[in-house]
Amino acid sequence: PLLLPSLPAGALAACLSQPQAQQAVASG
C-alpha cells in the first residue's frame, strides 16, 4: 500500500535537505 499512484500534473515535489529530512523523521 505504500507505493503511490502517479500524481496529477502540477503536483510538484519539494525535496528536503538532509537536516530537514532528519527532523521530519525525528518528529514522527
PDB file of all heavy atoms in Angstrom:
ATOM      1  N   PRO A   1       0.806  -1.219   0.000  1.00  0.00           N
ATOM      2  CA  PRO A   1       0.000   0.000   0.000  1.00  0.00           C
ATOM      3  C   PRO A   1       0.840   1.271   0.000  1.00  0.00           C
ATOM      4  O   PRO A   1       0.317   2.353  -0.205  1.00  0.00           O
ATOM      5  CB  PRO A   1      -0.815  -0.085   1.300  1.00  0.00           C
ATOM      6  CG  PRO A   1      -0.631  -1.439   1.829  1.00  0.00           C
ATOM      7  CD  PRO A   1       0.591  -2.012   1.185  1.00  0.00           C
ATOM      8  N   LEU A   2       2.135   1.162   0.214  1.00  0.00           N
ATOM      9  CA  LEU A   2       2.966   2.352   0.289  1.00  0.00           C
ATOM     10  C   LEU A   2       3.354   2.897  -1.073  1.00  0.00           C
ATOM     11  O   LEU A   2       3.800   4.025  -1.176  1.00  0.00           O
ATOM     12  CB  LEU A   2       4.238   2.068   1.100  1.00  0.00           C
ATOM     13  CG  LEU A   2       4.007   1.691   2.561  1.00  0.00           C
ATOM     14  CD1 LEU A   2       5.337   1.398   3.235  1.00  0.00           C
ATOM     15  CD2 LEU A   2       3.268   2.780   3.304  1.00  0.00           C
ATOM     16  N   LEU A   3       3.229   2.104  -2.121  1.00  0.00           N
ATOM     17  CA  LEU A   3       3.530   2.625  -3.445  1.00  0.00           C
ATOM     18  C   LEU A   3       2.463   3.626  -3.830  1.00  0.00           C
ATOM     19  O   LEU A   3       1.278   3.391  -3.654  1.00  0.00           O
ATOM     20  CB  LEU A   3       3.582   1.490  -4.476  1.00  0.00           C
ATOM     21  CG  LEU A   3       4.769   0.551  -4.350  1.00  0.00           C
ATOM     22  CD1 LEU A   3       4.651  -0.555  -5.392  1.00  0.00           C
ATOM     23  CD2 LEU A   3       6.072   1.289  -4.508  1.00  0.00           C
ATOM     24  N   LEU A   4       2.901   4.741  -4.350  1.00  0.00           N
ATOM     25  CA  LEU A   4       1.956   5.799  -4.684  1.00  0.00           C
ATOM     26  C   LEU A   4       1.550   5.729  -6.145  1.00  0.00           C
ATOM     27  O   LEU A   4       2.381   5.460  -7.006  1.00  0.00           O
ATOM     28  CB  LEU A   4       2.599   7.168  -4.435  1.00  0.00           C
ATOM     29  CG  LEU A   4       2.899   7.490  -2.988  1.00  0.00           C
ATOM     30  CD1 LEU A   4       3.594   8.850  -2.912  1.00  0.00           C
ATOM     31  CD2 LEU A   4       1.644   7.512  -2.159  1.00  0.00           C
ATOM     32  N   PRO A   5       0.290   6.019  -6.424  1.00  0.00           N
ATOM     33  CA  PRO A   5      -0.097   6.142  -7.823  1.00  0.00           C
ATOM     34  C   PRO A   5       0.527   7.410  -8.385  1.00  0.00           C
ATOM     35  O   PRO A   5       0.997   8.264  -7.655  1.00  0.00           O
ATOM     36  CB  PRO A   5      -1.627   6.257  -7.746  1.00  0.00           C
ATOM     37  CG  PRO A   5      -1.875   6.838  -6.400  1.00  0.00           C
ATOM     38  CD  PRO A   5      -0.784   6.286  -5.504  1.00  0.00           C
ATOM     39  N   SER A   6       0.505   7.535  -9.683  1.00  0.00           N
ATOM     40  CA  SER A   6       1.012   8.755 -10.301  1.00  0.00           C
ATOM     41  C   SER A   6       0.209   9.941  -9.799  1.00  0.00           C
ATOM     42  O   SER A   6      -1.011   9.875  -9.673  1.00  0.00           O
ATOM     43  CB  SER A   6       0.893   8.676 -11.821  1.00  0.00           C
ATOM     44  OG  SER A   6       1.697   7.636 -12.307  1.00  0.00           O
ATOM     45  N   LEU A   7       0.921  11.014  -9.512  1.00  0.00           N
ATOM     46  CA  LEU A   7       0.254  12.224  -9.053  1.00  0.00           C
ATOM     47  C   LEU A   7      -0.155  13.059 -10.248  1.00  0.00           C
ATOM     48  O   LEU A   7       0.467  12.996 -11.302  1.00  0.00           O
ATOM     49  CB  LEU A   7       1.198  13.015  -8.141  1.00  0.00           C
ATOM     50  CG  LEU A   7       1.517  12.325  -6.825  1.00  0.00           C
ATOM     51  CD1 LEU A   7       2.615  13.082  -6.085  1.00  0.00           C
ATOM     52  CD2 LEU A   7       0.283  12.226  -5.954  1.00  0.00           C
ATOM     53  N   PRO A   8      -1.193  13.874 -10.078  1.00  0.00           N
ATOM     54  CA  PRO A   8      -1.632  14.696 -11.198  1.00  0.00           C
ATOM     55  C   PRO A   8      -0.548  15.674 -11.606  1.00  0.00           C
ATOM     56  O   PRO A   8       0.283  16.081 -10.807  1.00  0.00           O
ATOM     57  CB  PRO A   8      -2.863  15.433 -10.643  1.00  0.00           C
ATOM     58  CG  PRO A   8      -2.855  15.219  -9.187  1.00  0.00           C
ATOM     59  CD  PRO A   8      -1.967  14.063  -8.885  1.00  0.00           C
ATOM     60  N   ALA A   9      -0.580  16.046 -12.877  1.00  0.00           N
ATOM     61  CA  ALA A   9       0.372  17.039 -13.365  1.00  0.00           C
ATOM     62  C   ALA A   9       0.217  18.303 -12.527  1.00  0.00           C
ATOM     63  O   ALA A   9      -0.884  18.695 -12.163  1.00  0.00           O
ATOM     64  CB  ALA A   9       0.102  17.333 -14.835  1.00  0.00           C
ATOM     65  N   GLY A  10       1.311  18.914 -12.200  1.00  0.00           N
ATOM     66  CA  GLY A  10       1.262  20.112 -11.372  1.00  0.00           C
ATOM     67  C   GLY A  10       1.534  19.833  -9.915  1.00  0.00           C
ATOM     68  O   GLY A  10       1.748  20.752  -9.142  1.00  0.00           O
ATOM     69  N   ALA A  11       1.499  18.563  -9.507  1.00  0.00           N
ATOM     70  CA  ALA A  11       1.834  18.219  -8.122  1.00  0.00           C
ATOM     71  C   ALA A  11       3.353  18.127  -8.045  1.00  0.00           C
ATOM     72  O   ALA A  11       3.942  17.126  -8.398  1.00  0.00           O
ATOM     73  CB  ALA A  11       1.187  16.904  -7.719  1.00  0.00           C
ATOM     74  N   LEU A  12       3.976  19.213  -7.651  1.00  0.00           N
ATOM     75  CA  LEU A  12       5.428  19.286  -7.657  1.00  0.00           C
ATOM     76  C   LEU A  12       6.014  18.746  -6.363  1.00  0.00           C
ATOM     77  O   LEU A  12       5.449  18.920  -5.300  1.00  0.00           O
ATOM     78  CB  LEU A  12       5.873  20.739  -7.860  1.00  0.00           C
ATOM     79  CG  LEU A  12       5.413  21.391  -9.149  1.00  0.00           C
ATOM     80  CD1 LEU A  12       5.830  22.852  -9.172  1.00  0.00           C
ATOM     81  CD2 LEU A  12       5.956  20.656 -10.356  1.00  0.00           C
ATOM     82  N   ALA A  13       7.166  18.122  -6.498  1.00  0.00           N
ATOM     83  CA  ALA A  13       7.880  17.604  -5.336  1.00  0.00           C
ATOM     84  C   ALA A  13       8.880  18.645  -4.862  1.00  0.00           C
ATOM     85  O   ALA A  13       9.540  19.287  -5.665  1.00  0.00           O
ATOM     86  CB  ALA A  13       8.590  16.308  -5.698  1.00  0.00           C
ATOM     87  N   ALA A  14       8.967  18.817  -3.566  1.00  0.00           N
ATOM     88  CA  ALA A  14       9.977  19.669  -2.950  1.00  0.00           C
ATOM     89  C   ALA A  14      10.802  18.766  -2.046  1.00  0.00           C
ATOM     90  O   ALA A  14      10.326  18.342  -0.994  1.00  0.00           O
ATOM     91  CB  ALA A  14       9.323  20.790  -2.164  1.00  0.00           C
ATOM     92  N   CYS A  15      12.003  18.436  -2.490  1.00  0.00           N
ATOM     93  CA  CYS A  15      12.826  17.516  -1.711  1.00  0.00           C
ATOM     94  C   CYS A  15      13.512  18.259  -0.574  1.00  0.00           C
ATOM     95  O   CYS A  15      13.889  19.422  -0.706  1.00  0.00           O
ATOM     96  CB  CYS A  15      13.826  16.817  -2.610  1.00  0.00           C
ATOM     97  SG  CYS A  15      12.990  15.727  -3.795  1.00  0.00           S
ATOM     98  N   LEU A  16      13.629  17.561   0.547  1.00  0.00           N
ATOM     99  CA  LEU A  16      14.161  18.157   1.765  1.00  0.00           C
ATOM    100  C   LEU A  16      15.683  18.032   1.805  1.00  0.00           C
ATOM    101  O   LEU A  16      16.248  17.090   1.253  1.00  0.00           O
ATOM    102  CB  LEU A  16      13.576  17.450   2.990  1.00  0.00           C
ATOM    103  CG  LEU A  16      12.142  17.794   3.392  1.00  0.00           C
ATOM    104  CD1 LEU A  16      11.134  17.421   2.342  1.00  0.00           C
ATOM    105  CD2 LEU A  16      11.799  17.142   4.702  1.00  0.00           C
ATOM    106  N   SER A  17      16.310  18.965   2.512  1.00  0.00           N
ATOM    107  CA  SER A  17      17.738  18.852   2.782  1.00  0.00           C
ATOM    108  C   SER A  17      17.924  17.745   3.811  1.00  0.00           C
ATOM    109  O   SER A  17      16.962  17.285   4.444  1.00  0.00           O
ATOM    110  CB  SER A  17      18.280  20.174   3.331  1.00  0.00           C
ATOM    111  OG  SER A  17      17.740  20.419   4.623  1.00  0.00           O
ATOM    112  N   GLN A  18      19.166  17.315   4.010  1.00  0.00           N
ATOM    113  CA  GLN A  18      19.450  16.266   4.989  1.00  0.00           C
ATOM    114  C   GLN A  18      18.953  16.648   6.385  1.00  0.00           C
ATOM    115  O   GLN A  18      18.266  15.848   7.030  1.00  0.00           O
ATOM    116  CB  GLN A  18      20.955  15.952   4.997  1.00  0.00           C
ATOM    117  CG  GLN A  18      21.330  14.784   5.878  1.00  0.00           C
ATOM    118  CD  GLN A  18      20.845  13.446   5.344  1.00  0.00           C
ATOM    119  OE1 GLN A  18      20.554  13.303   4.154  1.00  0.00           O
ATOM    120  NE2 GLN A  18      20.759  12.473   6.195  1.00  0.00           N
ATOM    121  N   PRO A  19      19.258  17.870   6.886  1.00  0.00           N
ATOM    122  CA  PRO A  19      18.743  18.236   8.220  1.00  0.00           C
ATOM    123  C   PRO A  19      17.207  18.275   8.284  1.00  0.00           C
ATOM    124  O   PRO A  19      16.612  17.872   9.277  1.00  0.00           O
ATOM    125  CB  PRO A  19      19.336  19.627   8.470  1.00  0.00           C
ATOM    126  CG  PRO A  19      20.541  19.699   7.589  1.00  0.00           C
ATOM    127  CD  PRO A  19      20.198  18.874   6.382  1.00  0.00           C
ATOM    128  N   GLN A  20      16.564  18.747   7.218  1.00  0.00           N
ATOM    129  CA  GLN A  20      15.099  18.776   7.193  1.00  0.00           C
ATOM    130  C   GLN A  20      14.520  17.367   7.201  1.00  0.00           C
ATOM    131  O   GLN A  20      13.521  17.105   7.877  1.00  0.00           O
ATOM    132  CB  GLN A  20      14.605  19.520   5.946  1.00  0.00           C
ATOM    133  CG  GLN A  20      14.867  21.000   5.956  1.00  0.00           C
ATOM    134  CD  GLN A  20      14.560  21.640   4.609  1.00  0.00           C
ATOM    135  OE1 GLN A  20      14.803  21.054   3.547  1.00  0.00           O
ATOM    136  NE2 GLN A  20      14.032  22.852   4.656  1.00  0.00           N
ATOM    137  N   ALA A  21      15.147  16.462   6.441  1.00  0.00           N
ATOM    138  CA  ALA A  21      14.680  15.075   6.405  1.00  0.00           C
ATOM    139  C   ALA A  21      14.848  14.423   7.772  1.00  0.00           C
ATOM    140  O   ALA A  21      13.942  13.724   8.247  1.00  0.00           O
ATOM    141  CB  ALA A  21      15.441  14.288   5.334  1.00  0.00           C
ATOM    142  N   GLN A  22      15.984  14.651   8.416  1.00  0.00           N
ATOM    143  CA  GLN A  22      16.215  14.097   9.755  1.00  0.00           C
ATOM    144  C   GLN A  22      15.172  14.617  10.735  1.00  0.00           C
ATOM    145  O   GLN A  22      14.664  13.858  11.564  1.00  0.00           O
ATOM    146  CB  GLN A  22      17.624  14.430  10.234  1.00  0.00           C
ATOM    147  CG  GLN A  22      18.693  13.676   9.489  1.00  0.00           C
ATOM    148  CD  GLN A  22      20.102  14.142   9.825  1.00  0.00           C
ATOM    149  OE1 GLN A  22      20.319  15.251  10.302  1.00  0.00           O
ATOM    150  NE2 GLN A  22      21.073  13.274   9.573  1.00  0.00           N
ATOM    151  N   GLN A  23      14.826  15.890  10.641  1.00  0.00           N
ATOM    152  CA  GLN A  23      13.816  16.478  11.533  1.00  0.00           C
ATOM    153  C   GLN A  23      12.438  15.876  11.277  1.00  0.00           C
ATOM    154  O   GLN A  23      11.698  15.578  12.219  1.00  0.00           O
ATOM    155  CB  GLN A  23      13.779  18.001  11.360  1.00  0.00           C
ATOM    156  CG  GLN A  23      12.727  18.691  12.201  1.00  0.00           C
ATOM    157  CD  GLN A  23      12.894  18.473  13.690  1.00  0.00           C
ATOM    158  OE1 GLN A  23      14.013  18.383  14.191  1.00  0.00           O
ATOM    159  NE2 GLN A  23      11.797  18.367  14.410  1.00  0.00           N
ATOM    160  N   ALA A  24      12.083  15.677  10.006  1.00  0.00           N
ATOM    161  CA  ALA A  24      10.776  15.097   9.677  1.00  0.00           C
ATOM    162  C   ALA A  24      10.659  13.682  10.231  1.00  0.00           C
ATOM    163  O   ALA A  24       9.603  13.294  10.752  1.00  0.00           O
ATOM    164  CB  ALA A  24      10.560  15.104   8.162  1.00  0.00           C
ATOM    165  N   VAL A  25      11.732  12.906  10.157  1.00  0.00           N
ATOM    166  CA  VAL A  25      11.723  11.542  10.693  1.00  0.00           C
ATOM    167  C   VAL A  25      11.721  11.578  12.214  1.00  0.00           C
ATOM    168  O   VAL A  25      10.934  10.878  12.865  1.00  0.00           O
ATOM    169  CB  VAL A  25      12.918  10.722  10.148  1.00  0.00           C
ATOM    170  CG1 VAL A  25      13.028   9.381  10.854  1.00  0.00           C
ATOM    171  CG2 VAL A  25      12.780  10.521   8.634  1.00  0.00           C
ATOM    172  N   ALA A  26      12.575  12.423  12.810  1.00  0.00           N
ATOM    173  CA  ALA A  26      12.668  12.505  14.273  1.00  0.00           C
ATOM    174  C   ALA A  26      11.351  12.956  14.903  1.00  0.00           C
ATOM    175  O   ALA A  26      10.994  12.504  15.991  1.00  0.00           O
ATOM    176  CB  ALA A  26      13.798  13.450  14.677  1.00  0.00           C
ATOM    177  N   SER A  27      10.619  13.831  14.229  1.00  0.00           N
ATOM    178  CA  SER A  27       9.357  14.339  14.765  1.00  0.00           C
ATOM    179  C   SER A  27       8.197  13.379  14.529  1.00  0.00           C
ATOM    180  O   SER A  27       7.084  13.621  14.990  1.00  0.00           O
ATOM    181  CB  SER A  27       9.034  15.698  14.139  1.00  0.00           C
ATOM    182  OG  SER A  27       8.719  15.547  12.757  1.00  0.00           O
ATOM    183  N   GLY A  28       8.443  12.301  13.769  1.00  0.00           N
ATOM    184  CA  GLY A  28       7.389  11.321  13.516  1.00  0.00           C
ATOM    185  C   GLY A  28       6.501  11.656  12.342  1.00  0.00           C
ATOM    186  O   GLY A  28       5.516  10.964  12.088  1.00  0.00           O
TER     187      GLY A  28
END
